[in-house]
Every structure is written in structure tokens, then in C-alpha cells.
Amino acid sequence: MLIPVASASFADLLKPVTVLAGDIGGTKTNLALYTAGKNTMDLLKQNQYSTTAYSNMIDMLVTFIGTEKNPDRISLAAAGPIQDGQVQMTNHAMQVSSKEISLHFNNIPVFLINDLEAAAFGLASLEEKDVAVFCKGIKKETGNIGVIAPGTGLGEAGLYADGKIWHPFATEGGHSDFAPRTDLDWELYQYLEKQFGHVSWERLLSGPGICNIFDFLVKVKEREVPAAITQLLVAGDKAAVIGTQAGQCAVCTETIDLFFRYLAQESSNLALKLKATGGLFITGGIVPKIRHLAQPEIFS
């Protein structure tokens, strides 16, 4: 384990319990059922669902559980700010309420936390082999830690150190203002402001953000798009196509280069705000797939 993170313990259990765990994203939701003992977690089953295919979380949970016995506990992480045990998803119309879910499943305990806070808790399970280093830096063993995650949106979280262990907390930093540095950045800002009004970092550092950067380069800077790439963009996941074609298509390469430059910029902002002398972790659904395209020196 790299980081000792504060978390609940099952050590006081008199008998094993079943736990339904879920990660609810704006695009997809991952659900898993475990048996938890004093020192063990055994996976019983798991599945992935399209979040947009469901209007409420209870229906998805019922589908997943099927004919199985109801779990003893449910623990869900959702993309959005949690208030009083409920959340309005940031990039989806779905509302999730721990109270409503508990009532539906015979008043079992239901825990609801922010998805990036959950990712911060997940650092406790990391080993050295699970981490690719962009910038080594000088790590302070008892320093705060930052977590940033481009995906359907942009999530940010932190872990504060008490000298012995780290305590995760959620933020909504992905919705803070984008700060242009160059003339190109300013043109991009103006382009996005006309479309959205408020230009947050999420408008750039996300799947839709990659598409925003690409569209700006094509429509405003008049970059050429090869016909073969245009066909792929129409037929597939636009952000994914841009990522896979980077290195072969000039405008795709420029898009991903800008994405990583902005990611380095906002990562440094987060590190400064949190005084993250214990390190900063980049996660989410995008970067692991395209990290080979990054220029590590921009993170130093």
C-alpha cells in the first residue's frame, strides 16, 4: 500500500456481510457485489451499465441485484456534490438519494459520497506497479495529496494529512474558471464563452472538453481534417477517435497536446491550493488511455 487512508473497518463484524458498491458516472455506472469479512473482500459479481439508460438509480440497482437476496449494505459514489445524503448528478439529470434507496431495500444502510472522494479513498489500495510517474518531484511523507480526474466531467479532490494517515475530501474545483495564458488560449476562451457563458476547466479537461478543443482548432484556427478522420469522427466516439488518431492526424495531435498542457496547468493549480507536498494523482477514464501521448516535462 502506498498511502494509509482513513477508512471504515470491518474488523468488528460478527459475521460476513454483503456490500453492493457502485461508481455512478455521467456516462457509465459500475456496480459490484462483495462479501466482506473481518479482513477480506470477496467479489461475487459485477456489471457495467449506461447511466443514460436509466432515469433513476433504484431501477438500475434492482436490475443488477436481479433474483439475488438484497445486500446488507449499499455504498455509492456519484459525480456531483453530496448534500444531506443526496446528489443531483453534475452531467446527468439523475438524482440519487440514499434515504430513498434505503427505504426501497428495507431500510438497509446506504452510504453516498462524491466520486472523487471515493477515488481518494481508493489510493489506499494502490501499489507501486499501479502508478505511472509523470514528474518525480520531492515527496513529503506527511504532506497533503491532490487527485484530479478528467472523464465525462472534471473531478478534483484532496487528502489532508494528520501526521499519521490521510483523510479524503471532495471539492468542486473542476468548475472553477479557466485561466488563459497565451493568445491561443484567449481565442479558445472567447470561443467557449460564446457557447457556454462560463468557461470552467471542465470545458477543456474532459471528454467533451477534448471535442471543444478540436472544434475550436477546426472552426476558428481552420486546421484541416483528413476525410478519413472525418468519417471516423462521425461514426464513433469523437473524443476517443481524437485520442487514438493523435500522432497520425495533425489536428488530433495538437488537440491532445493542448489537453495535456491544460491538465498540467490545472494540476499545478490544485497542488498549490492544497499544498499537495505529498503528491498529486491523475486518474479518470481518459488519461490512462492516452498517457503515452503526454510530454512528461510539461508536468515538471
Foldseek 3Di string as FASTA:
>chain_A
DQAFADDDFQLPPPAWFKEWEWEAELFKMKIWIWTDHRPDTHTDDIDMDGNQVDQEDLVVVCVVCPPPQDTQEYEYAAAAQDDPQKGCHPNHRYIYHQVVNCVVNVNHYYHYYHNVLVVVVVVNVDDPVVDDDLDDDQADQQFKEKEWEAEQFIFIWIWHGPPRHTYIDGDPQQQDADDDDDPVSVLLVVVVCVVPVGHGNRCQRYLVNLVSLLCCCCVPVVDDDDPVLVVVCVVDSNSVSLLVCQVPTVSSVVSVAVSLLSVLVVQVVRCVVRVGSNYYHYHYDPCVVRVVSYNSVSND
